[in-house]
N, C-alpha and C. Protein backbone atom coordinates (compact mmCIF):
# COMPACT_ATOMS: atom_id res chain seq x y z
N MET A 1 22.57 14.67 -93.50
CA MET A 1 23.07 14.38 -91.90
C MET A 1 22.36 13.92 -91.23
N GLN A 2 23.43 13.48 -90.21
CA GLN A 2 23.28 11.60 -88.87
C GLN A 2 23.48 12.89 -88.13
N VAL A 3 22.70 12.75 -87.18
CA VAL A 3 22.71 13.09 -86.21
C VAL A 3 22.75 12.24 -84.65
N THR A 4 23.00 12.66 -84.09
CA THR A 4 23.07 11.58 -82.09
C THR A 4 21.94 12.04 -81.90
N ASN A 5 21.05 11.20 -81.29
CA ASN A 5 20.57 12.11 -79.82
C ASN A 5 21.49 11.12 -78.47
N LYS A 6 20.70 11.88 -77.69
CA LYS A 6 21.07 12.17 -76.44
C LYS A 6 21.66 9.76 -75.65
N THR A 7 21.05 9.32 -76.80
CA THR A 7 20.91 8.08 -76.58
C THR A 7 22.39 7.59 -77.07
N GLY A 8 22.68 8.31 -78.52
CA GLY A 8 24.01 7.41 -78.59
C GLY A 8 23.94 6.74 -79.78
N ILE A 9 22.40 7.04 -80.58
CA ILE A 9 21.98 6.30 -81.82
C ILE A 9 21.63 7.44 -82.87
N ARG A 10 22.61 7.17 -83.88
CA ARG A 10 22.27 8.63 -85.24
C ARG A 10 21.51 8.04 -85.91
N MET A 11 20.94 9.06 -85.83
CA MET A 11 19.36 9.19 -86.38
C MET A 11 19.42 10.18 -88.26
N ALA A 12 18.73 10.08 -88.84
CA ALA A 12 18.78 10.93 -89.47
C ALA A 12 17.97 12.47 -89.82
N SER A 13 18.93 13.22 -90.58
CA SER A 13 18.02 14.74 -89.84
C SER A 13 17.71 15.63 -91.62
N ASN A 14 17.02 15.74 -92.00
CA ASN A 14 16.90 16.58 -92.84
C ASN A 14 17.48 15.83 -94.14
N ILE A 15 17.04 14.67 -94.60
CA ILE A 15 17.80 13.84 -95.10
C ILE A 15 17.58 13.87 -96.82
N GLY A 16 17.66 13.95 -97.84
CA GLY A 16 16.77 14.20 -99.43
C GLY A 16 16.54 15.26 -99.07
N ILE A 17 16.27 16.50 -98.44
CA ILE A 17 16.00 17.67 -98.60
C ILE A 17 16.56 18.63 -99.28
N GLU A 18 16.71 19.50 -100.82
CA GLU A 18 17.27 20.21 -100.85
C GLU A 18 17.34 21.24 -100.45
N THR A 19 18.23 22.99 -101.09
CA THR A 19 18.24 24.01 -100.43
C THR A 19 17.30 24.68 -100.71
N GLU A 20 16.67 24.48 -102.08
CA GLU A 20 15.73 25.19 -102.36
C GLU A 20 14.20 24.62 -101.68
N ALA A 21 13.94 25.65 -101.40
CA ALA A 21 12.15 25.74 -101.18
C ALA A 21 11.49 24.51 -101.72
N SER A 22 11.48 24.85 -103.43
CA SER A 22 10.08 24.22 -103.72
C SER A 22 10.80 22.84 -104.09
N ALA A 23 11.87 22.53 -104.07
CA ALA A 23 12.33 20.87 -103.90
C ALA A 23 11.98 19.93 -102.16
N THR A 24 12.72 21.41 -101.30
CA THR A 24 12.08 20.58 -99.87
C THR A 24 10.28 20.63 -100.02
N LYS A 25 9.62 21.40 -100.54
CA LYS A 25 8.43 21.29 -100.48
C LYS A 25 8.15 19.82 -101.32
N MET A 26 7.76 19.50 -102.39
CA MET A 26 7.72 18.15 -103.41
C MET A 26 8.61 17.49 -101.94
N MET A 27 9.13 16.98 -101.83
CA MET A 27 9.71 16.07 -101.57
C MET A 27 8.91 16.17 -100.01
N LEU A 28 8.41 16.72 -99.06
CA LEU A 28 8.02 16.84 -97.95
C LEU A 28 6.00 16.55 -98.56
N ASP A 29 5.73 16.73 -99.24
CA ASP A 29 4.66 16.09 -100.01
C ASP A 29 4.45 14.84 -100.13
N ASN A 30 5.47 14.35 -100.48
CA ASN A 30 5.64 13.40 -101.10
C ASN A 30 6.35 12.05 -100.29
N PRO A 31 5.53 11.38 -99.51
CA PRO A 31 5.96 10.00 -98.42
C PRO A 31 6.92 9.23 -99.47
N TYR A 32 6.52 9.02 -100.17
CA TYR A 32 6.81 7.77 -101.53
C TYR A 32 7.92 8.03 -101.26
N LYS A 33 8.23 9.15 -102.70
CA LYS A 33 9.39 10.05 -102.80
C LYS A 33 11.04 10.12 -101.65
N ILE A 34 10.64 10.56 -100.24
CA ILE A 34 11.20 10.60 -99.31
C ILE A 34 11.83 9.01 -98.21
N VAL A 35 11.35 7.73 -98.73
CA VAL A 35 10.88 6.91 -98.55
C VAL A 35 12.29 6.48 -99.76
N ARG A 36 11.99 6.17 -100.79
CA ARG A 36 12.47 5.60 -102.06
C ARG A 36 14.15 6.69 -102.14
N GLN A 37 14.23 8.04 -101.60
CA GLN A 37 15.04 8.64 -101.17
C GLN A 37 16.34 8.58 -100.63
N LEU A 38 15.61 7.52 -99.51
CA LEU A 38 16.00 7.24 -98.04
C LEU A 38 16.70 6.00 -98.22
N ALA A 39 15.83 4.77 -99.60
CA ALA A 39 16.30 3.65 -98.99
C ALA A 39 17.68 3.73 -100.45
N SER A 40 17.23 4.82 -101.46
CA SER A 40 18.35 4.12 -102.34
C SER A 40 20.03 4.77 -102.34
N THR A 41 20.02 6.11 -100.96
CA THR A 41 21.37 7.03 -100.84
C THR A 41 21.80 6.22 -99.52
N ASN A 42 21.36 4.76 -98.94
CA ASN A 42 22.00 4.91 -98.14
C ASN A 42 22.02 3.17 -98.14
N ALA A 43 23.19 2.26 -97.67
CA ALA A 43 23.38 1.03 -97.36
C ALA A 43 22.29 0.41 -96.56
N VAL A 44 21.75 1.48 -95.34
CA VAL A 44 20.99 0.34 -94.77
C VAL A 44 19.78 1.31 -93.82
N VAL A 45 18.91 0.65 -94.12
CA VAL A 45 17.63 2.22 -93.80
C VAL A 45 17.35 1.73 -92.46
N LEU A 46 16.73 1.99 -91.12
CA LEU A 46 15.74 1.15 -90.33
C LEU A 46 14.84 2.31 -90.13
N PHE A 47 13.50 2.44 -90.21
CA PHE A 47 12.08 3.00 -90.44
C PHE A 47 11.77 2.39 -88.97
N SER A 48 11.83 3.66 -87.87
CA SER A 48 11.80 3.16 -86.35
C SER A 48 10.78 3.97 -85.61
N MET A 49 10.35 3.67 -84.45
CA MET A 49 9.35 4.65 -84.05
C MET A 49 9.80 4.45 -82.50
N SER A 50 10.45 5.22 -82.10
CA SER A 50 11.02 5.98 -80.86
C SER A 50 10.48 4.65 -79.50
N GLY A 51 9.49 3.81 -79.39
CA GLY A 51 9.04 3.50 -77.96
C GLY A 51 8.44 2.21 -78.17
N CYS A 52 9.09 1.90 -79.65
CA CYS A 52 8.99 0.26 -79.57
C CYS A 52 10.05 -0.89 -79.93
N CYS A 53 9.69 -2.21 -78.79
CA CYS A 53 10.91 -2.74 -78.48
C CYS A 53 11.38 -3.52 -79.23
N MET A 54 10.21 -4.00 -80.88
CA MET A 54 10.94 -4.38 -81.72
C MET A 54 11.79 -3.99 -82.92
N CYS A 55 11.30 -1.95 -82.38
CA CYS A 55 12.98 -1.59 -83.24
C CYS A 55 13.65 -1.36 -82.81
N THR A 56 13.82 -1.53 -81.06
CA THR A 56 15.38 -1.32 -80.29
C THR A 56 15.79 -2.69 -80.64
N VAL A 57 14.91 -3.76 -80.52
CA VAL A 57 15.95 -5.30 -81.44
C VAL A 57 16.57 -5.13 -82.65
N ALA A 58 16.24 -4.92 -83.39
CA ALA A 58 16.89 -4.66 -85.11
C ALA A 58 18.05 -3.47 -84.81
N LYS A 59 17.46 -2.47 -84.35
CA LYS A 59 19.08 -1.09 -84.13
C LYS A 59 19.86 -2.53 -83.37
N ARG A 60 19.59 -2.79 -82.07
CA ARG A 60 20.77 -3.72 -81.54
C ARG A 60 21.72 -4.64 -82.56
N LEU A 61 20.15 -5.56 -83.21
CA LEU A 61 21.22 -6.48 -83.86
C LEU A 61 22.37 -5.75 -85.28
N LEU A 62 20.92 -4.35 -85.81
CA LEU A 62 22.57 -4.62 -86.87
C LEU A 62 23.48 -3.55 -86.20
N PHE A 63 23.44 -2.85 -85.04
CA PHE A 63 24.65 -2.57 -84.68
C PHE A 63 25.85 -3.53 -83.70
N GLY A 64 24.71 -4.74 -83.52
CA GLY A 64 25.44 -5.86 -83.56
C GLY A 64 26.65 -6.19 -84.49
N LEU A 65 26.25 -6.14 -85.15
CA LEU A 65 27.30 -7.08 -86.45
C LEU A 65 28.13 -5.86 -87.00
N GLY A 66 28.01 -4.99 -86.50
CA GLY A 66 28.59 -3.63 -86.69
C GLY A 66 28.71 -2.94 -88.18
N VAL A 67 27.40 -2.59 -87.52
CA VAL A 67 26.15 -1.77 -89.52
C VAL A 67 26.28 -0.44 -88.48
N GLY A 68 26.35 0.70 -89.02
CA GLY A 68 25.43 1.85 -88.96
C GLY A 68 24.74 2.42 -89.58
N PRO A 69 23.21 1.90 -89.96
CA PRO A 69 22.43 2.23 -90.08
C PRO A 69 21.96 4.03 -89.91
N THR A 70 21.15 4.28 -91.16
CA THR A 70 20.17 5.45 -91.17
C THR A 70 19.27 5.42 -90.57
N ILE A 71 18.64 5.47 -89.05
CA ILE A 71 17.61 5.83 -88.61
C ILE A 71 16.15 6.90 -88.14
N ILE A 72 15.30 6.23 -89.11
CA ILE A 72 13.99 6.95 -89.20
C ILE A 72 13.07 7.57 -88.06
N GLU A 73 13.27 8.12 -86.76
CA GLU A 73 11.93 7.34 -86.27
C GLU A 73 10.82 8.23 -86.63
N LEU A 74 10.06 8.05 -86.84
CA LEU A 74 8.85 8.08 -87.52
C LEU A 74 7.91 9.27 -86.55
N ASP A 75 7.84 9.03 -85.33
CA ASP A 75 6.78 10.15 -84.45
C ASP A 75 7.42 11.19 -83.77
N HIS A 76 9.06 11.00 -84.64
CA HIS A 76 9.87 12.48 -84.43
C HIS A 76 9.92 12.99 -85.95
N HIS A 77 9.75 12.79 -86.80
CA HIS A 77 9.93 13.06 -88.40
C HIS A 77 8.38 13.89 -88.73
N GLY A 78 8.70 15.21 -89.30
CA GLY A 78 7.29 15.81 -89.44
C GLY A 78 6.73 15.02 -90.40
N ALA A 79 7.32 14.24 -91.42
CA ALA A 79 6.03 13.45 -92.49
C ALA A 79 5.86 12.23 -91.86
N GLY A 80 6.45 11.28 -90.54
CA GLY A 80 6.56 10.27 -89.76
C GLY A 80 4.92 9.77 -90.46
N PRO A 81 3.61 9.80 -90.13
CA PRO A 81 2.19 9.58 -90.26
C PRO A 81 1.94 8.72 -91.68
N ASP A 82 2.71 10.12 -93.08
CA ASP A 82 2.88 9.39 -93.97
C ASP A 82 3.36 8.88 -94.67
N ILE A 83 4.83 8.66 -94.15
CA ILE A 83 6.11 7.68 -94.40
C ILE A 83 5.41 6.32 -93.79
N GLN A 84 4.57 5.76 -92.75
CA GLN A 84 3.94 4.99 -91.68
C GLN A 84 3.39 4.21 -93.39
N ALA A 85 2.15 5.32 -93.54
CA ALA A 85 1.40 4.80 -94.34
C ALA A 85 1.90 4.43 -95.56
N VAL A 86 2.94 5.21 -95.77
CA VAL A 86 3.82 3.85 -97.54
C VAL A 86 4.57 2.35 -96.95
N LEU A 87 4.83 2.42 -95.61
CA LEU A 87 5.45 1.59 -95.09
C LEU A 87 4.51 0.40 -95.16
N PHE A 88 3.27 0.72 -94.33
CA PHE A 88 2.09 -0.45 -93.98
C PHE A 88 2.16 -0.96 -96.00
N GLN A 89 2.04 0.03 -96.97
CA GLN A 89 1.37 -0.73 -97.66
C GLN A 89 2.22 -1.57 -98.74
N LEU A 90 3.69 -1.23 -97.96
CA LEU A 90 4.99 -1.87 -98.39
C LEU A 90 4.85 -4.01 -98.51
N VAL A 91 4.30 -3.71 -96.28
CA VAL A 91 4.36 -4.81 -95.44
C VAL A 91 3.29 -5.15 -96.82
N ALA A 92 2.04 -5.22 -96.67
CA ALA A 92 0.72 -5.27 -97.22
C ALA A 92 -0.33 -6.80 -96.75
N ASP A 93 0.04 -7.17 -95.74
CA ASP A 93 -0.13 -8.53 -94.88
C ASP A 93 -0.67 -8.28 -93.50
N GLY A 94 -1.10 -7.40 -93.30
CA GLY A 94 -1.87 -6.18 -92.10
C GLY A 94 -0.69 -5.76 -91.14
N ARG A 95 0.83 -7.00 -91.08
CA ARG A 95 1.69 -6.66 -89.72
C ARG A 95 1.73 -5.25 -89.87
N GLN A 96 2.52 -5.46 -88.40
CA GLN A 96 2.84 -3.24 -88.13
C GLN A 96 4.56 -2.74 -89.20
N PRO A 97 4.52 -1.78 -89.61
CA PRO A 97 4.88 -1.77 -90.71
C PRO A 97 6.37 -0.90 -89.87
N VAL A 98 6.31 -1.36 -88.64
CA VAL A 98 8.21 -0.94 -87.94
C VAL A 98 7.61 -1.95 -86.69
N PRO A 99 9.64 -2.25 -86.74
CA PRO A 99 10.34 -1.53 -87.73
C PRO A 99 10.36 -1.69 -89.41
N ALA A 100 10.65 -0.74 -90.32
CA ALA A 100 11.08 -0.99 -91.92
C ALA A 100 12.47 -1.16 -91.98
N VAL A 101 12.83 -2.56 -92.36
CA VAL A 101 14.40 -2.25 -92.56
C VAL A 101 14.89 -2.45 -94.23
N PHE A 102 15.41 -1.13 -94.55
CA PHE A 102 15.78 -1.23 -96.27
C PHE A 102 17.09 -2.02 -96.25
N VAL A 103 17.61 -2.81 -96.93
CA VAL A 103 18.87 -2.87 -97.13
C VAL A 103 19.46 -3.14 -98.88
N GLY A 104 20.13 -2.05 -99.42
CA GLY A 104 20.79 -2.24 -100.33
C GLY A 104 19.43 -1.11 -101.53
N GLY A 105 18.67 -0.64 -100.88
CA GLY A 105 17.36 -0.09 -101.56
C GLY A 105 16.69 -0.52 -101.33
N LYS A 106 16.64 -1.95 -101.58
CA LYS A 106 15.49 -3.13 -101.34
C LYS A 106 15.38 -3.27 -99.48
N PHE A 107 13.21 -2.81 -100.22
CA PHE A 107 12.98 -3.54 -99.12
C PHE A 107 13.03 -4.50 -98.63
N LEU A 108 13.74 -4.97 -97.16
CA LEU A 108 14.12 -6.62 -96.46
C LEU A 108 13.20 -6.93 -96.44
N GLY A 109 11.90 -5.55 -95.25
CA GLY A 109 11.06 -6.49 -94.48
C GLY A 109 11.03 -5.69 -92.95
N GLY A 110 10.20 -6.43 -91.62
CA GLY A 110 9.97 -6.20 -90.56
C GLY A 110 11.17 -7.07 -89.73
N ILE A 111 10.72 -7.19 -89.05
CA ILE A 111 11.82 -7.52 -87.20
C ILE A 111 11.40 -9.35 -87.69
N GLU A 112 10.48 -9.70 -88.11
CA GLU A 112 10.72 -11.60 -88.68
C GLU A 112 11.49 -11.54 -89.72
N THR A 113 11.38 -11.17 -90.50
CA THR A 113 12.31 -10.88 -91.88
C THR A 113 13.28 -10.71 -91.29
N LEU A 114 14.35 -10.09 -90.76
CA LEU A 114 15.13 -9.62 -89.87
C LEU A 114 16.51 -10.41 -89.63
N MET A 115 15.43 -10.77 -88.50
CA MET A 115 15.95 -12.47 -87.63
C MET A 115 16.11 -13.60 -88.43
N ALA A 116 14.87 -13.62 -89.37
CA ALA A 116 14.92 -15.00 -90.28
C ALA A 116 16.06 -15.08 -90.75
N CYS A 117 16.78 -13.86 -91.56
CA CYS A 117 17.88 -13.35 -92.25
C CYS A 117 19.19 -13.64 -91.07
N HIS A 118 18.90 -13.36 -90.35
CA HIS A 118 20.15 -13.36 -89.72
C HIS A 118 20.48 -14.87 -88.85
N ILE A 119 19.24 -15.38 -88.34
CA ILE A 119 19.37 -16.64 -87.96
C ILE A 119 20.05 -17.57 -88.95
N ASN A 120 19.67 -17.68 -90.34
CA ASN A 120 19.52 -18.73 -91.50
C ASN A 120 21.00 -18.48 -92.42
N GLY A 121 21.71 -17.22 -91.61
CA GLY A 121 22.95 -16.74 -92.24
C GLY A 121 22.96 -15.81 -93.36
N THR A 122 21.88 -15.21 -94.40
CA THR A 122 21.59 -14.33 -95.54
C THR A 122 21.76 -13.17 -95.39
N LEU A 123 21.85 -12.83 -93.74
CA LEU A 123 21.84 -11.36 -93.43
C LEU A 123 23.26 -10.73 -94.08
N VAL A 124 24.35 -11.57 -93.74
CA VAL A 124 25.45 -10.62 -93.65
C VAL A 124 26.14 -10.50 -94.65
N PRO A 125 25.86 -11.77 -95.81
CA PRO A 125 26.09 -11.60 -97.12
C PRO A 125 25.43 -10.63 -98.00
N LEU A 126 23.99 -10.41 -97.25
CA LEU A 126 23.12 -8.99 -97.66
C LEU A 126 23.96 -7.55 -97.16
N LEU A 127 24.21 -7.78 -96.08
CA LEU A 127 24.87 -6.42 -95.73
C LEU A 127 26.42 -5.41 -96.82
N LYS A 128 26.94 -6.58 -96.75
CA LYS A 128 28.14 -7.10 -97.40
C LYS A 128 27.85 -6.08 -98.82
N GLU A 129 27.03 -7.11 -99.46
CA GLU A 129 26.59 -6.94 -100.61
C GLU A 129 26.24 -5.70 -100.81
N ALA A 130 25.34 -4.85 -100.06
CA ALA A 130 25.24 -3.16 -100.02
C ALA A 130 26.15 -2.79 -99.72
N GLY A 131 26.91 -2.53 -99.64
CA GLY A 131 27.96 -1.76 -98.15
C GLY A 131 27.82 -1.45 -96.77
N ALA A 132 27.55 -2.28 -96.37
CA ALA A 132 27.44 -2.13 -94.95
C ALA A 132 28.59 -2.48 -94.42
N LEU A 133 28.82 -3.84 -94.91
CA LEU A 133 30.00 -4.17 -94.06
C LEU A 133 30.93 -4.19 -94.53
N TRP A 134 32.21 -3.82 -94.43
CA TRP A 134 33.22 -4.44 -95.16
C TRP A 134 34.29 -5.51 -94.80
N LEU A 135 34.39 -6.56 -93.87
CA LEU A 135 34.48 -8.01 -93.29
C LEU A 135 33.94 -8.96 -94.21
């Protein structure tokens, strides 16, 4: 389910959480499964922090290209710190784990990788392949 906050940015709400209480508890107990579920069921997922300026840059770039990413604001998500720990493991080089961008179910990287792909012309083909862009 997508919800829009007061800035007009779509954010995910209760993504991947099933109706049964046990399935919900299992999903919330395992942040890796939350990340995997979100990445595999959405063309583009952006894990963000609401006060992060580089996250805003990533959002604006994707919106500017015509992509409507699923945005997870970790500081507003119940499992945010645990998800951030999973993202930190994915980055694995000591860099900030947010923004973290997944395209087509695969971890693309952070703001540096996103911008590099945009500058070298590989971002749009990736987005098209993932089904995030149709043109």
